[in-house]
C-alpha atoms as a PDB file:
ATOM      1  CA  MET A   1      87.618   4.539 191.575  1.00  0.00           C
ATOM      2  CA  ASN A   2      85.679   6.573 189.741  1.00  0.00           C
ATOM      3  CA  LYS A   3      81.901   6.578 189.068  1.00  0.00           C
ATOM      4  CA  GLU A   4      81.955   5.173 185.472  1.00  0.00           C
ATOM      5  CA  SER A   5      84.309   2.015 186.541  1.00  0.00           C
ATOM      6  CA  PHE A   6      82.366   1.672 189.599  1.00  0.00           C
ATOM      7  CA  GLY A   7      79.057   1.488 187.348  1.00  0.00           C
ATOM      8  CA  LEU A   8      80.551  -0.849 184.977  1.00  0.00           C
ATOM      9  CA  PHE A   9      81.895  -3.112 187.719  1.00  0.00           C
ATOM     10  CA  ILE A  10      78.153  -3.140 189.413  1.00  0.00           C
ATOM     11  CA  LEU A  11      76.647  -4.219 186.191  1.00  0.00           C
ATOM     12  CA  PHE A  12      79.310  -7.048 185.551  1.00  0.00           C
ATOM     13  CA  ALA A  13      78.283  -8.481 188.911  1.00  0.00           C
ATOM     14  CA  LEU A  14      74.508  -8.148 188.163  1.00  0.00           C
ATOM     15  CA  LEU A  15      74.762  -9.928 185.171  1.00  0.00           C
ATOM     16  CA  LEU A  16      77.077 -12.751 186.662  1.00  0.00           C
ATOM     17  CA  SER A  17      74.882 -13.044 189.141  1.00  0.00           C
ATOM     18  CA  GLY A  18      71.785 -13.456 187.080  1.00  0.00           C
ATOM     19  CA  ALA A  19      73.557 -15.972 184.810  1.00  0.00           C
ATOM     20  CA  ILE A  20      74.331 -18.064 187.835  1.00  0.00           C
ATOM     21  CA  TYR A  21      70.764 -17.771 189.523  1.00  0.00           C
ATOM     22  CA  TYR A  22      68.917 -17.961 186.151  1.00  0.00           C
ATOM     23  CA  GLY A  23      71.127 -20.513 184.212  1.00  0.00           C
ATOM     24  CA  SER A  24      68.861 -23.263 184.458  1.00  0.00           C
ATOM     25  CA  PHE A  25      65.913 -21.176 183.555  1.00  0.00           C
ATOM     26  CA  ILE A  26      67.834 -20.095 180.276  1.00  0.00           C
ATOM     27  CA  GLN A  27      69.437 -22.984 179.501  1.00  0.00           C
ATOM     28  CA  ASN A  28      66.654 -25.243 179.596  1.00  0.00           C
ATOM     29  CA  PRO A  29      64.723 -23.822 177.008  1.00  0.00           C
ATOM     30  CA  LEU A  30      68.017 -23.417 174.649  1.00  0.00           C
ATOM     31  CA  LEU A  31      68.701 -26.879 175.295  1.00  0.00           C
ATOM     32  CA  SER A  32      65.487 -27.934 174.274  1.00  0.00           C
ATOM     33  CA  PHE A  33      65.329 -25.917 171.500  1.00  0.00           C
ATOM     34  CA  MET A  34      68.952 -27.581 170.533  1.00  0.00           C
ATOM     35  CA  SER A  35      67.590 -31.011 170.963  1.00  0.00           C
ATOM     36  CA  SER A  36      64.658 -30.430 168.929  1.00  0.00           C
ATOM     37  CA  ILE A  37      66.703 -29.235 165.881  1.00  0.00           C
ATOM     38  CA  LYS A  38      69.226 -32.224 166.486  1.00  0.00           C
ATOM     39  CA  ASN A  39      66.156 -34.702 166.327  1.00  0.00           C
ATOM     40  CA  SER A  40      64.686 -32.918 163.064  1.00  0.00           C
ATOM     41  CA  TYR A  41      68.155 -33.322 161.674  1.00  0.00           C
ATOM     42  CA  HIS A  42      68.371 -36.892 162.342  1.00  0.00           C
ATOM     43  CA  VAL A  43      64.968 -37.822 161.170  1.00  0.00           C
ATOM     44  CA  SER A  44      65.624 -35.668 157.906  1.00  0.00           C
ATOM     45  CA  VAL A  45      68.908 -37.528 157.450  1.00  0.00           C
ATOM     46  CA  GLU A  46      67.714 -41.095 158.070  1.00  0.00           C
ATOM     47  CA  SER A  47      64.409 -40.095 155.662  1.00  0.00           C
ATOM     48  CA  ILE A  48      66.798 -39.202 152.882  1.00  0.00           C
ATOM     49  CA  ALA A  49      68.899 -42.051 153.227  1.00  0.00           C
ATOM     50  CA  LYS A  50      65.694 -44.266 153.018  1.00  0.00           C
ATOM     51  CA  THR A  51      64.604 -42.778 150.277  1.00  0.00           C
ATOM     52  CA  TYR A  52      67.953 -42.887 148.821  1.00  0.00           C
ATOM     53  CA  HIS A  53      68.186 -46.715 148.997  1.00  0.00           C
ATOM     54  CA  GLU A  54      64.509 -47.555 148.436  1.00  0.00           C
ATOM     55  CA  HIS A  55      64.616 -45.619 145.128  1.00  0.00           C
ATOM     56  CA  PHE A  56      67.837 -47.427 143.930  1.00  0.00           C
ATOM     57  CA  ASN A  57      66.401 -50.985 145.237  1.00  0.00           C
ATOM     58  CA  GLN A  58      63.319 -50.194 143.120  1.00  0.00           C
ATOM     59  CA  LYS A  59      65.528 -49.065 140.270  1.00  0.00           C
ATOM     60  CA  ASN A  60      67.707 -52.404 140.630  1.00  0.00           C
ATOM     61  CA  THR A  61      64.389 -54.180 140.840  1.00  0.00           C
ATOM     62  CA  ILE A  62      62.725 -52.870 138.089  1.00  0.00           C
ATOM     63  CA  ILE A  63      66.008 -53.454 135.755  1.00  0.00           C
ATOM     64  CA  LYS A  64      66.143 -57.262 137.008  1.00  0.00           C
ATOM     65  CA  LEU A  65      62.176 -57.344 136.256  1.00  0.00           C
ATOM     66  CA  ARG A  66      62.940 -55.904 132.736  1.00  0.00           C
ATOM     67  CA  SER A  67      65.771 -58.234 132.014  1.00  0.00           C
ATOM     68  CA  GLU A  68      63.552 -61.239 132.842  1.00  0.00           C
ATOM     69  CA  LEU A  69      60.516 -60.009 131.036  1.00  0.00           C
ATOM     70  CA  ARG A  70      62.648 -59.809 128.002  1.00  0.00           C
ATOM     71  CA  LYS A  71      64.130 -63.431 128.422  1.00  0.00           C
ATOM     72  CA  TYR A  72      60.464 -64.650 128.817  1.00  0.00           C
ATOM     73  CA  GLU A  73      59.262 -62.807 125.800  1.00  0.00           C
ATOM     74  CA  LYS A  74      62.144 -64.333 123.870  1.00  0.00           C
ATOM     75  CA  ASN A  75      61.364 -67.851 125.091  1.00  0.00           C
ATOM     76  CA  HIS A  76      57.638 -67.083 124.188  1.00  0.00           C
ATOM     77  CA  LEU A  77      58.558 -66.005 120.491  1.00  0.00           C
ATOM     78  CA  ILE A  78      60.898 -69.059 120.006  1.00  0.00           C
ATOM     79  CA  MET A  79      58.095 -71.510 121.261  1.00  0.00           C
ATOM     80  CA  HIS A  80      55.353 -69.626 118.913  1.00  0.00           C
ATOM     81  CA  GLN A  81      58.012 -70.038 116.260  1.00  0.00           C
ATOM     82  CA  PHE A  82      58.722 -73.374 116.906  1.00  0.00           C
ATOM     83  CA  ALA A  83      54.932 -74.150 117.045  1.00  0.00           C
ATOM     84  CA  THR A  84      54.089 -72.361 113.670  1.00  0.00           C
ATOM     85  CA  GLU A  85      57.156 -74.080 111.878  1.00  0.00           C
ATOM     86  CA  LEU A  86      55.839 -77.401 113.605  1.00  0.00           C
ATOM     87  CA  ASN A  87      52.198 -76.790 112.027  1.00  0.00           C
ATOM     88  CA  ASP A  88      53.263 -75.708 108.502  1.00  0.00           C
ATOM     89  CA  LEU A  89      55.605 -79.207 108.737  1.00  0.00           C
ATOM     90  CA  PHE A  90      51.974 -80.913 109.253  1.00  0.00           C
ATOM     91  CA  GLN A  91      50.421 -79.041 106.404  1.00  0.00           C
ATOM     92  CA  GLU A  92      53.289 -79.935 104.213  1.00  0.00           C
ATOM     93  CA  SER A  93      52.902 -83.471 105.151  1.00  0.00           C
ATOM     94  CA  ASN A  94      49.486 -83.617 104.143  1.00  0.00           C
ATOM     95  CA  THR A  95      48.291 -84.036 107.901  1.00  0.00           C
ATOM     96  CA  SER A  96      45.279 -82.684 109.651  1.00  0.00           C
ATOM     97  CA  PHE A  97      47.292 -82.525 113.047  1.00  0.00           C
ATOM     98  CA  ALA A  98      48.116 -79.080 114.175  1.00  0.00           C
ATOM     99  CA  LEU A  99      49.179 -77.454 117.579  1.00  0.00           C
ATOM    100  CA  SER A 100      47.184 -74.609 118.643  1.00  0.00           C
ATOM    101  CA  PRO A 101      47.030 -74.488 122.600  1.00  0.00           C
ATOM    102  CA  LYS A 102      44.785 -72.067 124.387  1.00  0.00           C
ATOM    103  CA  VAL A 103      45.380 -71.050 128.235  1.00  0.00           C
ATOM    104  CA  GLU A 104      43.271 -68.622 129.915  1.00  0.00           C
ATOM    105  CA  LEU A 105      43.861 -66.811 133.234  1.00  0.00           C
ATOM    106  CA  VAL A 106      41.083 -67.153 135.556  1.00  0.00           C
ATOM    107  CA  ARG A 107      40.317 -65.948 138.661  1.00  0.00           C
ATOM    108  CA  ALA A 108      38.612 -67.390 142.021  1.00  0.00           C
ATOM    109  CA  LEU A 109      35.215 -65.664 143.398  1.00  0.00           C
ATOM    110  CA  SER A 110      34.159 -67.283 146.294  1.00  0.00           C
ATOM    111  CA  TYR A 111      33.923 -70.840 147.794  1.00  0.00           C
ATOM    112  CA  VAL A 112      30.704 -72.660 146.712  1.00  0.00           C
ATOM    113  CA  ARG A 113      29.680 -73.455 149.875  1.00  0.00           C
ATOM    114  CA  PHE A 114      30.660 -71.990 153.100  1.00  0.00           C
ATOM    115  CA  GLY A 115      33.210 -74.558 155.019  1.00  0.00           C
ATOM    116  CA  ASP A 116      33.983 -76.354 151.855  1.00  0.00           C
ATOM    117  CA  ILE A 117      37.301 -75.066 150.662  1.00  0.00           C
ATOM    118  CA  ASN A 118      37.743 -77.393 147.749  1.00  0.00           C
ATOM    119  CA  LYS A 119      35.274 -75.813 145.500  1.00  0.00           C
ATOM    120  CA  LEU A 120      35.471 -72.498 143.980  1.00  0.00           C
ATOM    121  CA  TRP A 121      33.159 -70.296 141.963  1.00  0.00           C
ATOM    122  CA  LEU A 122      35.315 -68.964 138.839  1.00  0.00           C
ATOM    123  CA  LYS A 123      35.153 -66.019 136.667  1.00  0.00           C
ATOM    124  CA  MET A 124      35.926 -67.453 133.349  1.00  0.00           C
ATOM    125  CA  ASP A 125      35.083 -66.140 129.761  1.00  0.00           C
ATOM    126  CA  ASP A 126      33.530 -68.111 126.904  1.00  0.00           C
ATOM    127  CA  PHE A 127      32.806 -70.795 129.386  1.00  0.00           C
ATOM    128  CA  ASN A 128      31.463 -74.030 127.672  1.00  0.00           C
ATOM    129  CA  ASP A 129      29.207 -75.917 130.232  1.00  0.00           C
ATOM    130  CA  SER A 130      29.268 -79.094 128.284  1.00  0.00           C
ATOM    131  CA  LYS A 131      33.059 -79.161 128.802  1.00  0.00           C
ATOM    132  CA  ILE A 132      35.831 -80.293 131.669  1.00  0.00           C
ATOM    133  CA  TYR A 133      38.593 -78.339 131.566  1.00  0.00           C
ATOM    134  CA  GLY A 134      42.354 -78.483 133.186  1.00  0.00           C
ATOM    135  CA  LEU A 135      42.988 -76.421 135.957  1.00  0.00           C
ATOM    136  CA  ILE A 136      46.409 -74.999 136.795  1.00  0.00           C
ATOM    137  CA  HIS A 137      48.202 -73.101 139.590  1.00  0.00           C
ATOM    138  CA  LYS A 138      51.784 -71.714 139.051  1.00  0.00           C
ATOM    139  CA  GLU A 139      52.771 -74.700 136.491  1.00  0.00           C
ATOM    140  CA  ARG A 140      51.297 -77.205 138.977  1.00  0.00           C
ATOM    141  CA  ALA A 141      48.058 -79.329 138.455  1.00  0.00           C
ATOM    142  CA  ALA A 142      45.388 -78.065 140.721  1.00  0.00           C
ATOM    143  CA  GLY A 143      42.182 -79.871 139.650  1.00  0.00           C
ATOM    144  CA  ILE A 144      39.479 -79.374 137.113  1.00  0.00           C
ATOM    145  CA  VAL A 145      36.506 -76.866 136.077  1.00  0.00           C
ATOM    146  CA  VAL A 146      33.324 -78.449 135.696  1.00  0.00           C
ATOM    147  CA  SER A 147      29.698 -76.515 135.301  1.00  0.00           C
ATOM    148  CA  LYS A 148      27.248 -76.491 137.705  1.00  0.00           C
ATOM    149  CA  ASN A 149      24.261 -74.246 137.186  1.00  0.00           C
ATOM    150  CA  ASN A 150      25.712 -73.265 133.884  1.00  0.00           C
ATOM    151  CA  ARG A 151      28.422 -71.764 135.841  1.00  0.00           C
ATOM    152  CA  PRO A 152      32.193 -72.548 136.078  1.00  0.00           C
ATOM    153  CA  MET A 153      33.452 -74.383 139.432  1.00  0.00           C
ATOM    154  CA  ALA A 154      36.466 -75.638 140.291  1.00  0.00           C
ATOM    155  CA  LEU A 155      36.841 -78.921 141.720  1.00  0.00           C
ATOM    156  CA  LEU A 156      40.724 -78.633 143.282  1.00  0.00           C
ATOM    157  CA  ASN A 157      42.801 -81.518 144.100  1.00  0.00           C
ATOM    158  CA  ASP A 158      41.208 -82.612 147.525  1.00  0.00           C
ATOM    159  CA  ASP A 159      37.944 -82.965 146.126  1.00  0.00           C
ATOM    160  CA  TYR A 160      36.598 -86.410 145.771  1.00  0.00           C
ATOM    161  CA  LYS A 161      35.182 -85.908 142.249  1.00  0.00           C
ATOM    162  CA  CYS A 162      38.034 -84.168 141.093  1.00  0.00           C
ATOM    163  CA  ALA A 163      39.866 -86.935 138.760  1.00  0.00           C
ATOM    164  CA  TYR A 164      42.506 -86.837 135.805  1.00  0.00           C
ATOM    165  CA  ALA A 165      44.743 -88.977 133.825  1.00  0.00           C
ATOM    166  CA  VAL A 166      48.363 -89.083 135.497  1.00  0.00           C
ATOM    167  CA  TYR A 167      51.929 -91.149 134.887  1.00  0.00           C
ATOM    168  CA  VAL A 168      53.749 -92.226 137.892  1.00  0.00           C
ATOM    169  CA  GLY A 169      57.510 -92.577 138.145  1.00  0.00           C
ATOM    170  CA  GLU A 170      60.021 -92.601 135.440  1.00  0.00           C
ATOM    171  CA  ASN A 171      58.333 -95.999 133.840  1.00  0.00           C
ATOM    172  CA  ARG A 172      55.209 -93.829 133.069  1.00  0.00           C
ATOM    173  CA  ALA A 173      52.964 -96.147 134.768  1.00  0.00           C
ATOM    174  CA  PRO A 174      49.525 -95.087 133.598  1.00  0.00           C
ATOM    175  CA  GLY A 175      46.960 -94.191 136.480  1.00  0.00           C
ATOM    176  CA  ILE A 176      43.871 -92.076 137.417  1.00  0.00           C
ATOM    177  CA  VAL A 177      44.253 -89.583 140.299  1.00  0.00           C
ATOM    178  CA  HIS A 178      41.458 -88.136 142.300  1.00  0.00           C
ATOM    179  CA  GLY A 179      41.281 -86.381 145.770  1.00  0.00           C
ATOM    180  CA  GLN A 180      40.409 -88.058 149.071  1.00  0.00           C
ATOM    181  CA  ASN A 181      38.354 -85.014 150.789  1.00  0.00           C
ATOM    182  CA  GLU A 182      41.849 -84.676 152.695  1.00  0.00           C
ATOM    183  CA  LYS A 183      45.288 -83.584 152.464  1.00  0.00           C
ATOM    184  CA  ASN A 184      46.846 -86.445 150.058  1.00  0.00           C
ATOM    185  CA  MET A 185      45.117 -87.685 146.924  1.00  0.00           C
ATOM    186  CA  ILE A 186      45.435 -91.419 145.417  1.00  0.00           C
ATOM    187  CA  VAL A 187      46.514 -92.856 141.940  1.00  0.00           C
ATOM    188  CA  GLU A 188      44.452 -95.966 141.072  1.00  0.00           C
ATOM    189  CA  PHE A 189      44.271 -98.500 138.548  1.00  0.00           C
ATOM    190  CA  ILE A 190      48.081 -98.651 138.074  1.00  0.00           C
ATOM    191  CA  PRO A 191      49.137-101.875 136.150  1.00  0.00           C
ATOM    192  CA  THR A 192      51.075-103.952 138.525  1.00  0.00           C
ATOM    193  CA  TRP A 193      53.363-105.258 135.923  1.00  0.00           C
ATOM    194  CA  ILE A 194      55.174-101.595 136.057  1.00  0.00           C
ATOM    195  CA  THR A 195      57.391-100.905 139.053  1.00  0.00           C
ATOM    196  CA  ILE A 196      56.760 -97.613 141.013  1.00  0.00           C
ATOM    197  CA  SER A 197      58.158 -96.365 144.016  1.00  0.00           C
ATOM    198  CA  VAL A 198      57.987 -93.915 147.141  1.00  0.00           C
ATOM    199  CA  GLY A 199      59.331 -90.819 145.974  1.00  0.00           C
ATOM    200  CA  ASP A 200      58.233 -91.224 142.395  1.00  0.00           C
ATOM    201  CA  GLU A 201      57.089 -88.002 140.728  1.00  0.00           C
ATOM    202  CA  VAL A 202      53.623 -88.132 139.359  1.00  0.00           C
ATOM    203  CA  ILE A 203      52.757 -85.780 136.363  1.00  0.00           C
ATOM    204  CA  THR A 204      49.696 -85.497 133.837  1.00  0.00           C
ATOM    205  CA  SER A 205      49.700 -87.476 130.790  1.00  0.00           C
ATOM    206  CA  GLY A 206      47.682 -85.686 128.727  1.00  0.00           C
ATOM    207  CA  MET A 207      45.454 -88.743 127.629  1.00  0.00           C
ATOM    208  CA  ASP A 208      42.340 -86.907 128.995  1.00  0.00           C
ATOM    209  CA  THR A 209      42.679 -83.986 126.975  1.00  0.00           C
ATOM    210  CA  LEU A 210      42.408 -82.089 130.076  1.00  0.00           C
ATOM    211  CA  PHE A 211      45.989 -81.293 130.733  1.00  0.00           C
ATOM    212  CA  PHE A 212      49.058 -80.717 128.871  1.00  0.00           C
ATOM    213  CA  LYS A 213      51.282 -83.760 128.796  1.00  0.00           C
ATOM    214  CA  GLY A 214      54.290 -82.957 132.110  1.00  0.00           C
ATOM    215  CA  ILE A 215      52.325 -80.834 134.430  1.00  0.00           C
ATOM    216  CA  LYS A 216      53.283 -81.918 137.929  1.00  0.00           C
ATOM    217  CA  VAL A 217      51.103 -83.349 140.498  1.00  0.00           C
ATOM    218  CA  GLY A 218      52.837 -84.644 143.272  1.00  0.00           C
ATOM    219  CA  LYS A 219      55.043 -87.343 144.786  1.00  0.00           C
ATOM    220  CA  VAL A 220      54.373 -90.839 145.928  1.00  0.00           C
ATOM    221  CA  LEU A 221      54.254 -91.333 149.360  1.00  0.00           C
ATOM    222  CA  SER A 222      53.303 -94.906 149.878  1.00  0.00           C
ATOM    223  CA  VAL A 223      52.092 -97.879 147.275  1.00  0.00           C
ATOM    224  CA  GLN A 224      49.239-100.309 147.684  1.00  0.00           C
ATOM    225  CA  GLN A 225      48.033-103.590 146.147  1.00  0.00           C
ATOM    226  CA  SER A 226      44.396-103.314 145.209  1.00  0.00           C
ATOM    227  CA  GLN A 227      42.313-105.943 143.212  1.00  0.00           C
ATOM    228  CA  GLY A 228      44.837-106.752 140.401  1.00  0.00           C
ATOM    229  CA  TYR A 229      46.146-103.213 140.058  1.00  0.00           C
ATOM    230  CA  GLN A 230      48.437-101.036 142.586  1.00  0.00           C
ATOM    231  CA  ASN A 231      47.195 -97.791 144.107  1.00  0.00           C
ATOM    232  CA  ALA A 232      49.855 -95.004 144.943  1.00  0.00           C
ATOM    233  CA  ILE A 233      48.705 -92.281 147.697  1.00  0.00           C
ATOM    234  CA  ILE A 234      50.688 -89.136 146.973  1.00  0.00           C
ATOM    235  CA  GLU A 235      51.311 -85.677 148.351  1.00  0.00           C
ATOM    236  CA  PRO A 236      49.843 -83.144 145.711  1.00  0.00           C
ATOM    237  CA  TYR A 237      52.290 -80.117 145.087  1.00  0.00           C
ATOM    238  CA  TYR A 238      49.335 -77.478 145.041  1.00  0.00           C
ATOM    239  CA  THR A 239      47.251 -77.178 148.248  1.00  0.00           C
ATOM    240  CA  THR A 240      44.131 -75.573 148.659  1.00  0.00           C
ATOM    241  CA  LYS A 241      45.723 -72.623 150.687  1.00  0.00           C
ATOM    242  CA  GLU A 242      46.426 -70.692 147.848  1.00  0.00           C
ATOM    243  CA  PRO A 243      43.311 -69.799 145.891  1.00  0.00           C
ATOM    244  CA  GLY A 244      43.170 -66.779 144.013  1.00  0.00           C
ATOM    245  CA  TYR A 245      44.325 -66.693 140.183  1.00  0.00           C
ATOM    246  CA  PHE A 246      44.522 -69.869 137.984  1.00  0.00           C
ATOM    247  CA  HIS A 247      45.076 -70.867 134.349  1.00  0.00           C
ATOM    248  CA  VAL A 248      42.547 -72.867 132.711  1.00  0.00           C
ATOM    249  CA  ILE A 249      43.605 -75.316 129.682  1.00  0.00           C
ATOM    250  CA  LYS A 250      40.569 -74.743 127.231  1.00  0.00           C
ATOM    251  CA  ARG A 251      42.336 -76.139 124.171  1.00  0.00           C
ATOM    252  CA  ILE A 252      45.039 -78.637 124.272  1.00  0.00           C
ATOM    253  CA  ARG A 253      45.901 -78.293 120.572  1.00  0.00           C
END
């Protein structure tokens, strides 16, 4: 074996020994580096996939909401046109009756008194402190609005002083509903000759000029007899756990 071949053999042996001896020393940083690259890759792929799905989910939601908005706008325009034609008909018939309801979105500011969740201060424009208003939350009767210190105060359904006119059941039995400072409400002064039953739905009658006729109030839980009238204990649809934004009926017609 010549010197050149012997030198190559020695170099190869040294490299092999070094790889065996220092293998873990060399491999560990390399494996760690590769793991870091893999982790970054998976995180990037998941982030891109999440962004992709969120984008298209938002796109689908926007398309759906736009479709619903167009539908509501169409219905609103149809109702507006119907009211206009009806008003024209009344005028043509030489009657002073006309339809011009007015509803305002208002916001609850705070509780009137700490510990009483049935009274709220409202942010309300053009408040007339000589009037009482009907209060609606998500198309359900929520209470009334009265004046306190010349400010609009909401008396929610559970409050004892909250009262308005209603109909009970399919027979439209008239009565006055008010709160009891507890979970359920009571409808009083229901005529005894009109049949009402457990499960009957209670709606506003509109006879007090506070609410439109037909706003849902609650359902009958029990019926009682009281001094020539019937009383109905009802479970209201609106609960005081949902203060926030309301609609105030400023004018019925």
